[in-house]
């Protein structure tokens, strides 16, 4: 999808929804410089990371084991 800088500013909500849907928007200013607007994909936390946080939050007075070797 392409847009001018002025149109991008006016209809930012529309272009933001398009970026959330996975589209890449190329914004061209009056000096013919092109900027790319796209959503950044963030990796989901692994099971090891989540379980590691939970393991440290419970005080069982027992020696805590590590989660090395489980998950990715």
Protein backbone atom coordinates (compact mmCIF):
# COMPACT_ATOMS: atom_id res chain seq x y z
CA UNK A 1 0.00 0.00 0.00
CA UNK A 2 1.31 3.47 -0.83
CA UNK A 3 0.45 6.85 0.65
CA UNK A 4 1.68 10.41 0.70
CA UNK A 5 2.96 11.86 3.96
CA UNK A 6 -0.02 14.22 4.20
CA UNK A 7 -2.54 11.43 3.58
CA UNK A 8 -0.73 9.19 6.08
CA UNK A 9 -1.04 11.82 8.81
CA UNK A 10 -4.72 12.45 8.07
CA UNK A 11 -5.71 8.78 7.91
CA UNK A 12 -3.25 7.33 10.42
CA UNK A 13 -5.89 5.12 12.13
CA UNK A 14 -6.73 3.49 8.77
CA UNK A 15 -3.08 2.79 7.98
CA UNK A 16 -2.40 1.51 11.49
CA UNK A 17 -5.24 -1.04 11.10
CA UNK A 18 -3.78 -2.10 7.76
CA UNK A 19 -0.35 -2.58 9.38
CA UNK A 20 -1.91 -4.66 12.16
CA UNK A 21 -3.45 -6.86 9.46
CA UNK A 22 0.03 -7.50 8.07
CA UNK A 23 0.26 -4.97 5.25
CA UNK A 24 3.32 -2.79 4.66
CA UNK A 25 2.66 0.88 3.94
CA UNK A 26 5.16 2.91 1.94
CA UNK A 27 4.92 6.62 2.73
CA UNK A 28 6.44 9.06 0.24
CA UNK A 29 7.15 12.67 1.23
CA UNK A 30 7.48 15.69 -1.08
CA UNK A 31 11.26 15.17 -1.42
CA UNK A 32 10.61 11.66 -2.83
CA UNK A 33 11.97 9.96 0.30
CA UNK A 34 10.13 6.71 1.00
CA UNK A 35 9.46 5.51 4.55
CA UNK A 36 8.14 2.05 5.40
CA UNK A 37 5.44 1.59 8.05
CA UNK A 38 4.82 -1.98 9.20
CA UNK A 39 3.99 -3.89 12.34
CA UNK A 40 6.94 -5.43 14.16
CA UNK A 41 6.44 -9.08 14.95
CA UNK A 42 7.32 -9.94 18.53
CA UNK A 43 8.13 -13.53 19.40
CA UNK A 44 5.93 -15.13 22.05
CA UNK A 45 7.72 -16.14 25.26
CA UNK A 46 8.71 -19.79 25.46
CA UNK A 47 7.33 -22.21 28.03
CA UNK A 48 10.74 -22.30 29.71
CA UNK A 49 10.71 -18.51 30.25
CA UNK A 50 7.19 -18.53 31.68
CA UNK A 51 7.81 -21.54 33.94
CA UNK A 52 11.10 -20.04 35.11
CA UNK A 53 9.32 -16.91 36.33
CA UNK A 54 6.70 -18.99 38.13
CA UNK A 55 9.33 -21.23 39.70
CA UNK A 56 11.06 -18.27 41.32
CA UNK A 57 7.84 -16.71 42.63
CA UNK A 58 6.82 -19.58 44.95
CA UNK A 59 8.59 -19.98 48.30
CA UNK A 60 8.48 -23.71 49.08
CA UNK A 61 11.65 -23.73 51.22
CA UNK A 62 12.99 -26.45 48.95
CA UNK A 63 15.97 -26.20 46.63
CA UNK A 64 14.83 -24.80 43.32
CA UNK A 65 15.68 -26.79 40.22
CA UNK A 66 16.62 -25.17 36.97
CA UNK A 67 14.57 -25.44 33.79
CA UNK A 68 17.61 -26.08 31.57
CA UNK A 69 16.98 -28.79 29.03
CA UNK A 70 13.21 -28.22 28.82
CA UNK A 71 11.57 -26.39 25.96
CA UNK A 72 13.32 -24.63 23.13
